[in-house]
N, C-alpha and C. Protein backbone atom coordinates (compact mmCIF):
# COMPACT_ATOMS: atom_id res chain seq x y z
N LEU A 1 24.89 -6.60 2.77
CA LEU A 1 24.37 -5.86 3.14
C LEU A 1 22.96 -5.96 2.55
N ALA A 2 22.56 -7.50 2.36
CA ALA A 2 21.33 -7.99 1.38
C ALA A 2 20.24 -7.93 2.72
N THR A 3 20.31 -7.43 3.92
CA THR A 3 19.43 -7.04 4.97
C THR A 3 19.80 -6.25 5.87
N GLY A 4 20.86 -5.43 5.25
CA GLY A 4 21.31 -4.21 6.30
C GLY A 4 21.12 -2.94 5.98
N ASP A 5 20.99 -2.35 6.65
CA ASP A 5 20.89 -0.42 6.50
C ASP A 5 21.92 0.18 5.62
N PHE A 6 21.47 0.49 4.57
CA PHE A 6 22.60 1.26 3.90
C PHE A 6 22.53 2.45 3.43
N SER A 7 21.91 3.27 4.06
CA SER A 7 21.37 4.48 3.85
C SER A 7 22.70 5.85 3.49
N ARG A 8 23.57 5.29 4.58
CA ARG A 8 24.59 6.02 4.54
C ARG A 8 25.26 6.00 2.86
N GLU A 9 25.24 4.65 2.18
CA GLU A 9 25.77 4.43 1.29
C GLU A 9 24.94 5.26 -0.04
N LEU A 10 23.62 5.44 0.00
CA LEU A 10 22.61 5.82 -0.63
C LEU A 10 23.15 7.08 -0.55
N ALA A 11 23.03 7.85 0.20
CA ALA A 11 23.51 9.17 0.44
C ALA A 11 24.68 9.57 -0.25
N GLU A 12 25.53 8.82 -0.22
CA GLU A 12 26.76 8.98 -0.57
C GLU A 12 26.69 8.88 -2.25
N PHE A 13 26.07 7.95 -2.77
CA PHE A 13 25.87 7.79 -4.21
C PHE A 13 25.36 8.88 -4.36
N ALA A 14 23.97 9.70 -3.78
CA ALA A 14 23.13 10.88 -4.62
C ALA A 14 24.08 11.80 -4.30
N ARG A 15 25.15 12.02 -3.17
CA ARG A 15 25.91 13.15 -3.26
C ARG A 15 26.83 13.26 -4.58
N ARG A 16 27.33 11.80 -4.84
CA ARG A 16 28.56 11.72 -5.91
C ARG A 16 28.24 11.78 -7.36
N PHE A 17 26.77 11.42 -7.25
CA PHE A 17 25.90 10.99 -8.76
C PHE A 17 24.53 11.66 -9.07
N PRO A 18 23.98 12.67 -8.94
CA PRO A 18 22.86 12.93 -8.64
C PRO A 18 22.05 12.85 -9.66
N SER A 19 22.81 12.84 -11.02
CA SER A 19 21.61 12.60 -11.83
C SER A 19 21.71 11.26 -12.03
N LEU A 20 22.28 10.32 -12.03
CA LEU A 20 22.29 8.60 -11.66
C LEU A 20 21.20 8.45 -10.61
N GLN A 21 21.23 9.07 -9.43
CA GLN A 21 20.35 9.25 -8.53
C GLN A 21 18.66 9.14 -8.99
N ARG A 22 18.69 10.50 -9.73
CA ARG A 22 17.38 10.59 -10.06
C ARG A 22 16.88 9.78 -11.34
N GLU A 23 17.70 9.43 -12.19
CA GLU A 23 17.44 8.13 -13.12
C GLU A 23 17.09 6.86 -12.53
N LEU A 24 18.15 6.45 -11.77
CA LEU A 24 18.05 4.98 -11.00
C LEU A 24 16.93 5.03 -10.06
N ILE A 25 16.65 5.70 -9.16
CA ILE A 25 15.88 5.67 -7.91
C ILE A 25 14.74 6.44 -7.83
N ASP A 26 14.90 7.81 -8.29
CA ASP A 26 14.05 8.91 -8.02
C ASP A 26 12.61 8.65 -8.80
N ARG A 27 12.95 8.37 -10.46
CA ARG A 27 12.35 8.51 -11.62
C ARG A 27 11.46 6.72 -11.13
N ARG A 28 12.49 6.14 -10.79
CA ARG A 28 11.93 4.69 -10.75
C ARG A 28 10.69 4.66 -9.79
N ASP A 29 11.23 5.12 -8.56
CA ASP A 29 10.37 5.53 -7.29
C ASP A 29 8.97 5.94 -7.69
N HIS A 30 8.91 7.20 -8.34
CA HIS A 30 7.86 7.83 -9.16
C HIS A 30 6.90 6.84 -9.59
N HIS A 31 7.33 6.04 -10.54
CA HIS A 31 6.59 5.14 -10.99
C HIS A 31 5.92 4.04 -10.80
N MET A 32 6.78 3.65 -9.55
CA MET A 32 6.23 2.56 -8.58
C MET A 32 5.29 2.86 -7.80
N ALA A 33 5.28 4.06 -7.20
CA ALA A 33 4.24 4.56 -6.62
C ALA A 33 3.03 5.20 -7.32
N ARG A 34 3.23 5.37 -8.46
CA ARG A 34 2.20 5.74 -9.16
C ARG A 34 1.24 4.57 -9.35
N ARG A 35 1.81 3.21 -10.12
CA ARG A 35 1.36 2.36 -10.20
C ARG A 35 0.54 1.66 -8.98
N LEU A 36 1.67 1.63 -7.86
CA LEU A 36 0.88 0.75 -6.69
C LEU A 36 -0.58 1.40 -6.27
N VAL A 37 -0.36 3.29 -6.03
CA VAL A 37 -1.80 3.75 -5.84
C VAL A 37 -2.88 3.31 -6.87
N ALA A 38 -2.44 3.16 -8.23
CA ALA A 38 -3.74 2.78 -9.01
C ALA A 38 -3.90 1.28 -8.62
N LEU A 39 -3.27 0.40 -8.43
CA LEU A 39 -3.67 -1.07 -8.06
C LEU A 39 -4.97 -0.76 -6.43
N LEU A 40 -4.07 0.04 -5.72
CA LEU A 40 -4.96 0.33 -4.58
C LEU A 40 -6.30 0.94 -4.79
N ARG A 41 -6.10 1.99 -5.35
CA ARG A 41 -7.52 2.43 -5.94
C ARG A 41 -8.75 1.97 -6.50
N ASP A 42 -8.11 0.80 -7.35
CA ASP A 42 -8.90 -0.22 -7.98
C ASP A 42 -9.40 -1.22 -7.19
N GLY A 43 -9.02 -1.02 -5.55
CA GLY A 43 -9.33 -2.55 -4.64
C GLY A 43 -8.51 -3.21 -4.55
N GLN A 44 -7.47 -3.59 -5.34
CA GLN A 44 -6.28 -4.61 -5.08
C GLN A 44 -5.51 -4.89 -3.68
N ARG A 45 -5.51 -6.03 -3.50
CA ARG A 45 -4.46 -6.11 -2.30
C ARG A 45 -3.39 -6.20 -3.04
N VAL A 46 -2.35 -5.29 -2.87
CA VAL A 46 -0.95 -5.26 -3.28
C VAL A 46 0.08 -5.87 -2.34
N ALA A 47 1.22 -6.42 -2.85
CA ALA A 47 2.42 -6.99 -2.67
C ALA A 47 3.35 -6.40 -3.37
N ALA A 48 4.43 -5.56 -2.82
CA ALA A 48 5.28 -5.19 -3.91
C ALA A 48 6.64 -5.84 -3.04
N VAL A 49 7.66 -6.26 -4.03
CA VAL A 49 8.93 -6.14 -3.38
C VAL A 49 9.62 -5.49 -4.48
N VAL A 50 10.44 -4.99 -3.53
CA VAL A 50 11.35 -3.54 -3.61
C VAL A 50 13.12 -3.64 -3.44
N GLY A 51 13.86 -3.17 -3.85
CA GLY A 51 15.30 -2.96 -3.64
C GLY A 51 14.93 -1.78 -2.46
N GLU A 52 15.99 -2.35 -1.46
CA GLU A 52 15.88 -1.42 0.04
C GLU A 52 16.37 -0.19 -0.59
N GLY A 53 17.45 0.26 -1.91
CA GLY A 53 17.41 1.91 -1.95
C GLY A 53 15.84 2.27 -2.54
N HIS A 54 14.73 1.78 -2.95
CA HIS A 54 13.65 2.32 -3.34
C HIS A 54 12.78 2.62 -2.01
N LEU A 55 13.18 1.80 -0.91
CA LEU A 55 12.12 2.06 0.09
C LEU A 55 11.93 3.95 0.71
N PRO A 56 12.94 4.66 0.76
CA PRO A 56 12.77 5.83 1.23
C PRO A 56 11.81 6.47 0.36
N GLY A 57 12.29 6.49 -1.00
CA GLY A 57 11.25 7.06 -1.55
C GLY A 57 9.78 6.77 -2.03
N LEU A 58 9.70 5.55 -1.90
CA LEU A 58 8.45 4.84 -1.73
C LEU A 58 7.57 5.23 -0.79
N GLU A 59 8.39 4.84 0.71
CA GLU A 59 7.31 5.30 1.59
C GLU A 59 7.53 6.60 1.95
N ARG A 60 7.84 7.57 1.50
CA ARG A 60 7.68 9.28 1.26
C ARG A 60 6.21 9.25 0.52
N ARG A 61 6.85 8.47 -0.71
CA ARG A 61 5.29 9.15 -1.79
C ARG A 61 3.77 8.06 -1.37
N LEU A 62 4.42 7.12 -0.33
CA LEU A 62 3.09 6.37 -0.14
C LEU A 62 2.66 6.57 1.17
N ALA A 63 2.85 7.64 1.97
CA ALA A 63 3.29 7.73 3.21
C ALA A 63 1.37 7.81 3.49
N ARG A 64 0.79 8.45 2.87
CA ARG A 64 -0.67 8.90 3.28
C ARG A 64 -1.41 7.64 3.32
N LEU A 65 -0.89 6.72 2.70
CA LEU A 65 -1.67 5.46 2.34
C LEU A 65 -1.24 4.40 3.73
N SER A 66 -0.55 4.71 4.53
CA SER A 66 0.04 3.99 5.28
C SER A 66 0.44 2.56 5.28
N PRO A 67 1.14 2.43 4.17
CA PRO A 67 1.75 0.88 3.97
C PRO A 67 2.56 0.04 4.99
N GLU A 68 2.42 -1.15 4.63
CA GLU A 68 2.86 -1.83 5.96
C GLU A 68 4.18 -2.27 5.04
N VAL A 69 5.41 -1.85 5.59
CA VAL A 69 6.20 -2.28 5.07
C VAL A 69 7.20 -3.80 6.26
N VAL A 70 7.14 -4.40 4.97
CA VAL A 70 8.30 -5.64 6.01
C VAL A 70 9.52 -5.85 5.43
N PRO A 71 10.56 -5.52 6.26
CA PRO A 71 11.55 -6.00 5.84
C PRO A 71 12.11 -7.26 5.20
N LEU A 72 12.98 -7.83 4.79
CA LEU A 72 13.51 -8.92 4.24
C LEU A 72 13.85 -9.32 5.37
N SER A 73 14.59 -8.98 6.36
CA SER A 73 15.36 -9.47 7.64
C SER A 73 14.10 -10.20 8.53
N ARG A 74 12.77 -9.35 8.36
CA ARG A 74 11.43 -10.06 9.10
C ARG A 74 11.34 -11.29 8.52
N LEU A 75 11.24 -11.18 7.29
CA LEU A 75 10.27 -12.73 6.75
C LEU A 75 11.76 -13.63 6.71
N LEU A 76 13.12 -13.38 7.10
CA LEU A 76 14.00 -14.54 6.84
C LEU A 76 13.88 -15.08 8.15
N ALA A 77 13.67 -14.09 9.44
CA ALA A 77 13.45 -14.47 10.62
C ALA A 77 12.36 -15.44 10.97
N LEU A 78 11.07 -15.08 10.08
CA LEU A 78 9.83 -16.05 10.44
C LEU A 78 10.25 -17.66 9.78
N ARG A 79 11.05 -17.16 8.43
CA ARG A 79 11.34 -18.61 8.16
C ARG A 79 12.34 -19.33 8.85
N GLY A 80 13.08 -18.69 9.58
CA GLY A 80 13.87 -19.74 10.31
C GLY A 80 13.22 -20.15 11.75
N ASN A 81 12.22 -19.47 11.96
CA ASN A 81 11.34 -19.93 13.06
C ASN A 81 10.21 -21.12 13.10
N ARG A 82 10.98 -21.87 11.92
CA ARG A 82 10.03 -22.93 11.28
C ARG A 82 9.92 -24.22 12.18
């Protein structure tokens, strides 16, 4: 699962453990998104490395900024093409 899509597993986790979902994923997404927006407003160029479980929430929260999302699999493929 290091570079795979595990959206089904995340959905199952949220269904079985909604309070953990809120604490471990949703709250972190909220705080990370706020910090990223603050950096971007200051004119910073930002690169953020986050776990795959945080991508949907961060993409949703940052959609108006149109962030470029580069999956780990793409980076690994680039490394392999040297």
